[in-house]
Every structure is written in C-alpha cells, then in structure tokens.
Amino acid sequence: MSSTPTRLRAAVVGTGGIVTGSHLPALRAHHDRVELRAAVDVDPARLDAFRTRAGTMGMDIEGVAGYADFDAMLDEVRPDLVLIGTPPSLHRSQTVAALKAGAWVLCEKPLCLSLAEYDEIAAAEEAAGTYASVVFQHRYGSGAVHARELIASGGLGAPRVAHCQTTWHRDSAYYAVPWRGRWESEGGGPTMGHGIHQFDLLLHLLGDWTEVRAMAARLVHDTESEDVSTALVRFESGALATVVNSVLSPDEVSRIRIDCDDATVELTHLYGHSNDDWTYTPAPHVEPGRAETWRTPAADVPSSHAAQLGALLDAYEQGARPPGSGNDARRTLEFAAALYKSAFTGKPVLAGEIAAGDPYYPAMHGSHPDWSPAR
C-alpha cells in the first residue's frame, strides 16, 4: 500500500505584486507537491491582502502563518523552500539566511547585486548543502526548451548571428519608488532589472560568451544607473550578437532572433511567451520536410514561475542541483557585470576577467567616477 508523499513546506518573503501575481499561482499549480506554510512582510496591510488573495484561490490560509520578522519565521517554521520577492538589496542576506537554515531558495532576479555577493551565496550553498535558484522563467516555456534542443543538437545548423532586444517603457513615476534606479538597492538599470530576462534566455540558447563590448547612457531618467544599454557579444561558438536593454521605448517588445546556417528562429513577446510566439524560417536550401520537424511541440507550456517551480521541485526530489543556480546563473550575472565594465571603461571585457580585486567584482558601477554614487 503506497502512502501519499509529504509535501514540501514553503514560505514566501515579500507579499507584493510579483509574489502575489506570479509565485502564488505557481504554488497553487503545484499544491500536490508543496504547501505554503508562512508569509513574511513588514507591511501588515500588504500581508493581509496577500492572505486574502490566497484564500480566493482556494488555498488554506489558516495554515499560513504571517510574520514581520524573517529570521523568526525561519526558526519557527523551518521551511524546506523559501521564495523571495523582496527588493533586490535584500536578496543576498535573505538567501544566505535561508540556505543556512536548511532551505532551498527560489529568488527573484537579480539573485544579488554583484559577483562578490554571488560568490558569497555559492559559499553558503556549499557549507549548508542547499541550493539557491534565480527566477529566469523564460527558460522554462516549452518553446524555449524546444529551441534550445534544436540549437544544441545542430538541428538548425551552426548559429551565426543573434539579436536580443528588451525595449520597454518606464516613466518617472516608476522611478519614484525609492529603491529603483540606485546601485545599492537595485544593482543597476534596465540591464539588471529588465533586460536580464531576455539576455539570460539568449545565453541559455547559445551557450558560453567570451567577449563583450558595450555602451550605456542616462538619456531621460534622473537615476544613478543607466536607462539604456547596448552590447556586442562574441560567443564561444563564434556567433556574434547584439543586446539592447531600454526603458525608453514607447512601442514595447521583447525579442530574440538567432540566424543559423539552416534557419532563423525568432521569439517575439513582451512579458512571457507560449509556443505561438516562436517562428522558424528555413534557409532557401532546406527541404520542406525537414522544416516541418522544427515545429514547436503540441503541448504548450507557457514561460512562467509555475514552469520553473516545477523544475526546481523535480531537482529537490532527485537531490540534484536545480536549474538556474550555480555557475549556470552566475554566467548571466557575469555578463551584466561585463556589460557595465565595458560600457564605463570603453574597453572590451573577456569572460572570467572580473574577479576579486577588480572594481567591478564588488559593485556593478565599478566605482567609476561618472557612475558611482556621490560620496
């Protein structure tokens, strides 16, 4: 006679829009594998609103304890999994505390504000035997999974040229939130806070990058960090790419295009994609029958927090490092650091170049006099 598996105990930290709108539905989607046991927020009204929303979704709010103190929650609840949706400046300390308490972590991007902080998290992982993943949900849609398999297998021929575009629009009211647009609280501008989802997916599809040449500017907003950045990227495969991250673009779009020897694969969406958002255009020499094999799978799994949470739960059950963690996620943060260093110094930056002793290792602004906060 088989017994019902014990569900993992989960806690959410921060109960604002991203947790209520994305993490809560993800937990609901996997209610047979994980149960919400605690929620943490310093704002009682926001915490109450979160609990009410959870109740309207059919979740057992009586079993969800509310806390204002994160450490107290860790001590009393001892969660197996902590989902973090607080402002970025809190991510490192909360992630390390959760890891030390024996919990796995799924944290909103960016996981931390510098490569030095990332390596601190990696050390905490190794000491505790637990893992921290960063939310890069665009990797987990079925269209992305399919495209990655095709590219990695050589099914589209060798990748040659790519374009990665995050052209969004944010007004002055958006930056009126005190922690936005500041290095110490957000870690950067649209490179870290907006475009990181798209270029993470680009790296996921194309593999290791080797060189970055970039530019950045403050053209509109009164912020410490940039409001637009651009980069030229060389990959280990030899492929070349452009990356644009903007919050100055009235016609908003997120786009990735990869031109391979035998086909162009293109993704066009805004904040999330499904199979219909991917297109494959064969090269003139490709026979029609072959192109038919590139069609996205019949099962449509949209990119979402739920899709990523499912992959993390699979890894937990297998005792394996989850996707979106370790060196895999560090590569994306290193790309952001390299983009900033190249933009602010006017020099190309090579993969692996930014290490302890480099000014861009402890801070994305690198203490550059034109970009670092006024002392």
Protein backbone atom coordinates (compact mmCIF):
# COMPACT_ATOMS: atom_id res chain seq x y z
CA MET A 1 0.00 0.00 0.00
CA SER A 2 1.55 3.30 -1.11
CA SER A 3 1.44 6.40 1.02
CA THR A 4 0.89 9.97 -0.12
CA PRO A 5 4.24 11.80 -0.42
CA THR A 6 4.81 14.55 2.14
CA ARG A 7 4.52 17.98 0.60
CA LEU A 8 7.40 20.43 0.98
CA ARG A 9 6.87 23.30 3.41
CA ALA A 10 7.21 26.64 1.63
CA ALA A 11 7.45 30.24 2.78
CA VAL A 12 7.24 33.44 0.77
CA VAL A 13 9.19 36.57 1.68
CA GLY A 14 7.67 39.81 0.45
CA THR A 15 4.00 39.77 -0.48
CA GLY A 16 3.89 42.47 -3.14
CA GLY A 17 2.89 42.23 -6.77
CA ILE A 18 5.44 39.71 -8.05
CA VAL A 19 4.78 37.23 -5.23
CA THR A 20 1.01 37.62 -5.32
CA GLY A 21 0.80 37.69 -9.10
CA SER A 22 3.38 35.02 -10.01
CA HIS A 23 4.69 32.98 -7.07
CA LEU A 24 1.27 32.41 -5.51
CA PRO A 25 -0.22 30.92 -8.72
CA ALA A 26 2.93 28.80 -9.08
CA LEU A 27 2.45 27.38 -5.59
CA ARG A 28 -1.21 26.77 -6.37
CA ALA A 29 -0.27 24.93 -9.57
CA HIS A 30 1.97 22.57 -7.58
CA HIS A 31 -0.23 22.23 -4.49
CA ASP A 32 0.16 18.45 -4.59
CA ARG A 33 3.93 18.79 -4.08
CA VAL A 34 4.36 21.89 -1.94
CA GLU A 35 2.26 23.71 0.66
CA LEU A 36 2.52 27.33 1.70
CA ARG A 37 3.15 27.49 5.44
CA ALA A 38 4.32 31.08 6.03
CA ALA A 39 4.42 34.56 4.54
CA VAL A 40 6.74 37.38 5.62
CA ASP A 41 6.22 41.10 5.10
CA VAL A 42 6.97 44.22 7.14
CA ASP A 43 3.68 45.78 5.97
CA PRO A 44 0.71 44.20 7.84
CA ALA A 45 -1.83 45.51 5.34
CA ARG A 46 0.06 44.00 2.41
CA LEU A 47 0.38 40.71 4.27
CA ASP A 48 -3.36 40.66 4.95
CA ALA A 49 -4.11 41.38 1.29
CA PHE A 50 -1.83 38.52 0.28
CA ARG A 51 -3.58 36.10 2.62
CA THR A 52 -6.96 37.20 1.28
CA ARG A 53 -5.80 36.64 -2.28
CA ALA A 54 -4.51 33.19 -1.36
CA GLY A 55 -7.93 32.39 0.11
CA THR A 56 -9.74 33.41 -3.07
CA MET A 57 -7.52 30.95 -4.94
CA GLY A 58 -8.73 28.11 -2.77
CA MET A 59 -5.59 27.87 -0.62
CA ASP A 60 -5.79 27.07 3.09
CA ILE A 61 -4.92 30.44 4.61
CA GLU A 62 -5.50 29.12 8.13
CA GLY A 63 -2.34 27.09 7.67
CA VAL A 64 -0.30 30.10 6.52
CA ALA A 65 1.41 31.90 9.41
CA GLY A 66 2.14 35.60 8.97
CA TYR A 67 5.44 37.12 10.10
CA ALA A 68 7.06 40.53 10.12
CA ASP A 69 10.46 39.06 11.05
CA PHE A 70 12.22 36.82 8.51
CA ASP A 71 14.63 35.18 10.97
CA ALA A 72 11.80 34.37 13.37
CA MET A 73 9.94 32.66 10.55
CA LEU A 74 12.98 30.55 9.67
CA ASP A 75 13.40 29.50 13.31
CA GLU A 76 9.76 28.61 13.89
CA VAL A 77 8.58 27.22 10.55
CA ARG A 78 11.81 25.57 9.30
CA PRO A 79 10.66 25.69 5.65
CA ASP A 80 12.04 23.37 3.00
CA LEU A 81 11.71 26.07 0.34
CA VAL A 82 11.80 29.87 0.56
CA LEU A 83 10.52 32.03 -2.31
CA ILE A 84 11.95 35.57 -2.18
CA GLY A 85 10.24 38.55 -3.80
CA THR A 86 11.65 41.48 -1.82
CA PRO A 87 13.62 44.44 -3.27
CA PRO A 88 16.99 43.37 -4.71
CA SER A 89 19.16 44.82 -1.92
CA LEU A 90 17.71 42.21 0.46
CA HIS A 91 18.21 39.19 -1.76
CA ARG A 92 21.74 38.24 -0.74
CA SER A 93 21.21 38.38 3.02
CA GLN A 94 17.83 36.64 2.91
CA THR A 95 19.10 33.95 0.55
CA VAL A 96 22.14 33.22 2.72
CA ALA A 97 19.99 33.08 5.86
CA ALA A 98 17.54 30.67 4.25
CA LEU A 99 20.33 28.43 2.96
CA LYS A 100 21.93 28.29 6.40
CA ALA A 101 18.54 27.38 7.88
CA GLY A 102 18.41 24.32 5.63
CA ALA A 103 16.02 25.63 2.97
CA TRP A 104 16.31 25.73 -0.79
CA VAL A 105 15.68 29.16 -2.31
CA LEU A 106 13.91 30.47 -5.40
CA CYS A 107 14.67 34.19 -5.58
CA GLU A 108 13.54 36.90 -7.95
CA LYS A 109 16.15 38.39 -10.25
CA PRO A 110 18.70 39.60 -9.67
CA LEU A 111 19.75 36.99 -7.11
CA CYS A 112 22.21 39.57 -5.79
CA LEU A 113 23.86 42.86 -6.76
CA SER A 114 27.41 41.80 -7.64
CA LEU A 115 29.63 38.85 -8.44
CA ALA A 116 31.14 39.14 -4.96
CA GLU A 117 27.69 38.68 -3.43
CA TYR A 118 27.01 35.77 -5.78
CA ASP A 119 30.16 34.01 -4.64
CA GLU A 120 29.11 34.57 -1.03
CA ILE A 121 25.85 32.78 -1.81
CA ALA A 122 27.77 29.97 -3.51
CA ALA A 123 29.89 29.55 -0.37
CA ALA A 124 26.73 29.39 1.76
CA GLU A 125 25.33 26.72 -0.57
CA GLU A 126 28.44 24.60 -0.21
CA ALA A 127 28.50 24.95 3.57
CA ALA A 128 24.80 24.15 4.03
CA GLY A 129 24.28 21.59 1.26
CA THR A 130 21.27 23.56 0.00
CA TYR A 131 20.71 25.45 -3.26
CA ALA A 132 19.57 28.87 -4.46
CA SER A 133 17.98 29.42 -7.88
CA VAL A 134 17.21 32.75 -9.52
CA VAL A 135 13.91 33.32 -11.32
CA PHE A 136 14.62 33.16 -15.06
CA GLN A 137 11.20 31.84 -16.03
CA HIS A 138 11.59 32.41 -19.78
CA ARG A 139 13.91 29.39 -19.99
CA TYR A 140 11.15 27.02 -18.96
CA GLY A 141 8.44 27.51 -21.57
CA SER A 142 8.09 24.59 -23.98
CA GLY A 143 9.04 26.84 -26.91
CA ALA A 144 12.36 27.73 -25.27
CA VAL A 145 13.06 24.12 -24.34
CA HIS A 146 12.40 23.05 -27.92
CA ALA A 147 14.56 25.82 -29.44
CA ARG A 148 17.46 25.02 -27.14
CA GLU A 149 17.34 21.34 -28.04
CA LEU A 150 17.33 22.15 -31.76
CA ILE A 151 20.26 24.56 -31.50
CA ALA A 152 22.33 22.37 -29.18
CA SER A 153 21.83 19.29 -31.38
CA GLY A 154 22.82 21.15 -34.55
CA GLY A 155 19.34 20.68 -35.94
CA LEU A 156 19.27 24.24 -37.30
CA GLY A 157 22.91 24.30 -38.36
CA ALA A 158 25.55 26.38 -36.63
CA PRO A 159 24.36 29.65 -35.03
CA ARG A 160 25.95 32.69 -36.66
CA VAL A 161 24.17 35.96 -35.78
CA ALA A 162 21.76 36.87 -32.97
CA HIS A 163 19.79 39.85 -31.73
CA CYS A 164 18.38 40.24 -28.22
CA GLN A 165 16.01 43.13 -27.60
CA THR A 166 14.30 44.32 -24.42
CA THR A 167 12.79 47.67 -25.39
CA TRP A 168 10.31 48.66 -22.71
CA HIS A 169 8.96 51.93 -21.32
CA ARG A 170 9.07 53.17 -17.74
CA ASP A 171 8.01 56.69 -16.70
CA SER A 172 9.17 58.96 -13.89
CA ALA A 173 6.50 57.60 -11.55
CA TYR A 174 8.09 54.16 -11.86
CA TYR A 175 11.41 55.56 -10.64
CA ALA A 176 9.76 57.44 -7.79
CA VAL A 177 9.89 54.17 -5.83
CA PRO A 178 12.93 54.85 -3.60
CA TRP A 179 14.92 51.69 -4.32
CA ARG A 180 14.68 51.87 -8.11
CA GLY A 181 17.46 53.28 -10.26
CA ARG A 182 20.02 53.12 -7.43
CA TRP A 183 23.10 50.94 -7.39
CA GLU A 184 22.95 50.00 -3.72
CA SER A 185 19.32 48.90 -3.85
CA GLU A 186 18.70 47.70 -7.43
CA GLY A 187 22.20 46.94 -8.69
CA GLY A 188 21.71 48.81 -11.96
CA GLY A 189 19.18 49.99 -14.50
CA PRO A 190 17.40 48.05 -17.28
CA THR A 191 20.47 45.84 -17.75
CA MET A 192 19.92 44.32 -14.30
CA GLY A 193 16.22 44.90 -13.79
CA HIS A 194 14.60 44.36 -17.19
CA GLY A 195 16.79 43.04 -19.99
CA ILE A 196 18.37 40.38 -17.80
CA HIS A 197 15.46 38.02 -18.54
CA GLN A 198 15.96 38.26 -22.29
CA PHE A 199 19.74 38.03 -22.37
CA ASP A 200 19.63 35.17 -19.88
CA LEU A 201 17.49 33.31 -22.40
CA LEU A 202 19.92 34.25 -25.19
CA LEU A 203 22.82 32.79 -23.18
CA HIS A 204 20.70 29.74 -22.36
CA LEU A 205 20.16 29.16 -26.09
CA LEU A 206 23.66 29.95 -27.36
CA GLY A 207 25.94 28.85 -24.53
CA ASP A 208 29.09 30.47 -23.19
CA TRP A 209 30.00 34.01 -24.18
CA THR A 210 33.65 35.06 -24.49
CA GLU A 211 33.73 38.83 -25.10
CA VAL A 212 31.53 41.90 -24.56
CA ARG A 213 31.85 45.44 -25.97
CA ALA A 214 29.18 47.82 -24.66
CA MET A 215 27.79 51.32 -24.19
CA ALA A 216 25.36 52.74 -21.62
CA ALA A 217 23.72 56.09 -21.02
CA ARG A 218 21.31 58.11 -18.87
CA LEU A 219 19.25 59.81 -21.54
CA VAL A 220 15.96 60.61 -19.79
CA HIS A 221 15.64 59.49 -16.18
CA ASP A 222 17.28 61.09 -13.15
CA THR A 223 18.81 57.88 -11.83
CA GLU A 224 22.21 56.73 -10.62
CA SER A 225 22.24 53.88 -13.12
CA GLU A 226 21.62 53.77 -16.85
CA ASP A 227 18.25 53.89 -18.62
CA VAL A 228 19.60 52.28 -21.81
CA SER A 229 22.49 49.96 -22.64
CA THR A 230 23.71 48.17 -25.74
CA ALA A 231 26.28 45.43 -26.24
CA LEU A 232 28.09 43.45 -28.90
CA VAL A 233 28.78 39.88 -27.83
CA ARG A 234 31.03 37.11 -29.09
CA PHE A 235 30.16 33.53 -28.16
CA GLU A 236 32.44 30.54 -27.76
CA SER A 237 30.83 29.05 -30.86
CA GLY A 238 31.97 32.07 -32.88
CA ALA A 239 28.45 33.52 -33.15
CA LEU A 240 28.05 37.29 -32.78
CA ALA A 241 25.10 39.04 -31.13
CA THR A 242 23.67 42.43 -30.29
CA VAL A 243 21.88 43.11 -27.00
CA VAL A 244 19.69 46.16 -26.29
CA ASN A 245 18.17 46.98 -22.89
CA SER A 246 15.93 50.05 -22.74
CA VAL A 247 13.20 51.62 -20.63
CA LEU A 248 12.79 54.49 -23.13
CA SER A 249 10.79 52.70 -25.83
CA PRO A 250 7.08 53.56 -26.29
CA ASP A 251 6.45 50.53 -28.51
CA GLU A 252 7.35 47.79 -26.04
CA VAL A 253 8.64 44.42 -27.20
CA SER A 254 10.90 41.58 -26.10
CA ARG A 255 12.60 39.77 -28.94
CA ILE A 256 15.29 37.21 -29.64
CA ARG A 257 16.37 36.28 -33.16
CA ILE A 258 19.05 33.69 -33.94
CA ASP A 259 20.22 33.14 -37.52
CA CYS A 260 21.69 29.67 -38.02
CA ASP A 261 23.04 28.10 -41.20
CA ASP A 262 19.76 26.36 -41.94
CA ALA A 263 17.10 28.52 -40.29
CA THR A 264 16.21 31.67 -38.42
CA VAL A 265 14.47 31.12 -35.09
CA GLU A 266 12.66 34.11 -33.62
CA LEU A 267 10.81 34.79 -30.40
CA THR A 268 8.62 37.91 -30.12
CA HIS A 269 6.60 38.64 -26.97
CA LEU A 270 6.53 41.10 -24.06
CA TYR A 271 6.50 39.60 -20.55
CA GLY A 272 6.01 35.91 -21.31
CA HIS A 273 5.87 33.52 -24.23
CA SER A 274 3.96 30.50 -25.48
CA ASN A 275 4.62 28.20 -28.44
CA ASP A 276 2.84 30.54 -30.86
CA ASP A 277 5.40 33.28 -30.13
CA TRP A 278 8.20 31.25 -31.76
CA THR A 279 8.74 31.11 -35.53
CA TYR A 280 11.19 29.13 -37.69
CA THR A 281 12.12 30.32 -41.15
CA PRO A 282 14.12 27.83 -43.22
CA ALA A 283 17.02 28.84 -45.41
CA PRO A 284 16.37 28.55 -49.19
CA HIS A 285 18.35 25.31 -49.45
CA VAL A 286 16.36 23.46 -46.75
CA GLU A 287 13.86 20.86 -47.92
CA PRO A 288 10.27 21.47 -46.70
CA GLY A 289 10.05 18.12 -44.98
CA ARG A 290 12.95 18.95 -42.73
CA ALA A 291 11.47 22.29 -41.73
CA GLU A 292 8.33 20.51 -40.54
CA THR A 293 10.38 18.82 -37.81
CA TRP A 294 11.19 22.19 -36.27
CA ARG A 295 7.61 22.98 -35.33
CA THR A 296 7.13 23.62 -31.64
CA PRO A 297 5.68 20.69 -29.68
CA ALA A 298 1.94 20.12 -29.47
CA ALA A 299 1.95 20.54 -25.69
CA ASP A 300 2.14 24.26 -24.91
CA VAL A 301 3.79 25.17 -21.60
CA PRO A 302 3.97 28.99 -21.34
CA SER A 303 7.03 30.54 -19.71
CA SER A 304 6.06 31.12 -16.09
CA HIS A 305 7.06 30.88 -12.45
CA ALA A 306 4.97 27.70 -12.30
CA ALA A 307 7.07 26.07 -15.00
CA GLN A 308 10.31 26.97 -13.22
CA LEU A 309 8.98 25.90 -9.82
CA GLY A 310 8.14 22.51 -11.29
CA ALA A 311 11.72 22.08 -12.49
CA LEU A 312 13.04 23.07 -9.07
CA LEU A 313 10.75 20.61 -7.30
CA ASP A 314 11.94 17.86 -9.66
CA ALA A 315 15.54 18.65 -8.69
CA TYR A 316 14.66 18.69 -4.99
CA GLU A 317 13.10 15.24 -5.23
CA GLN A 318 16.18 13.96 -7.07
CA GLY A 319 18.62 15.63 -4.67
CA ALA A 320 20.23 17.40 -7.64
CA ARG A 321 21.32 20.99 -8.18
CA PRO A 322 18.32 22.86 -9.63
CA PRO A 323 18.47 24.67 -12.96
CA GLY A 324 19.08 28.41 -12.76
CA SER A 325 21.65 28.08 -9.99
CA GLY A 326 25.42 27.70 -9.56
CA ASN A 327 27.70 28.51 -12.49
CA ASP A 328 24.73 28.44 -14.85
CA ALA A 329 23.14 31.50 -13.26
CA ARG A 330 26.48 33.14 -12.42
CA ARG A 331 27.25 33.33 -16.16
CA THR A 332 24.27 35.66 -16.63
CA LEU A 333 25.27 37.94 -13.75
CA GLU A 334 28.86 37.99 -15.03
CA PHE A 335 27.53 39.08 -18.42
CA ALA A 336 25.78 42.05 -16.77
CA ALA A 337 28.97 42.98 -14.91
CA ALA A 338 30.99 42.72 -18.11
CA LEU A 339 28.49 44.91 -19.97
CA TYR A 340 28.80 47.61 -17.32
CA LYS A 341 32.59 47.40 -17.17
CA SER A 342 32.91 47.65 -20.93
CA ALA A 343 30.41 50.50 -21.14
CA PHE A 344 32.06 52.52 -18.38
CA THR A 345 35.69 51.88 -19.37
CA GLY A 346 35.27 51.87 -23.14
CA LYS A 347 37.20 48.60 -23.40
CA PRO A 348 36.22 45.04 -24.35
CA VAL A 349 35.76 42.63 -21.45
CA LEU A 350 36.55 38.92 -21.61
CA ALA A 351 34.70 36.15 -19.79
CA GLY A 352 36.41 35.37 -16.50
CA GLU A 353 38.15 38.74 -16.37
CA ILE A 354 36.14 40.17 -13.47
CA ALA A 355 37.44 38.55 -10.28
CA ALA A 356 38.38 39.56 -6.74
CA GLY A 357 40.47 42.73 -6.94
CA ASP A 358 38.63 44.05 -10.00
CA PRO A 359 36.48 47.10 -9.08
CA TYR A 360 33.53 45.58 -10.96
CA TYR A 361 33.59 42.46 -8.77
CA PRO A 362 32.06 44.07 -5.62
CA ALA A 363 29.85 46.61 -7.45
CA MET A 364 28.35 46.88 -10.91
CA HIS A 365 29.34 50.56 -11.15
CA GLY A 366 32.98 49.67 -10.51
CA SER A 367 33.43 52.91 -8.52
CA HIS A 368 33.67 54.72 -11.85
CA PRO A 369 33.64 58.48 -11.10
CA ASP A 370 30.91 59.20 -13.67
CA TRP A 371 28.65 56.38 -12.49
CA SER A 372 29.28 55.56 -8.84
CA PRO A 373 27.09 57.25 -6.20
CA ALA A 374 28.23 60.62 -4.90
CA ARG A 375 30.21 60.30 -1.68
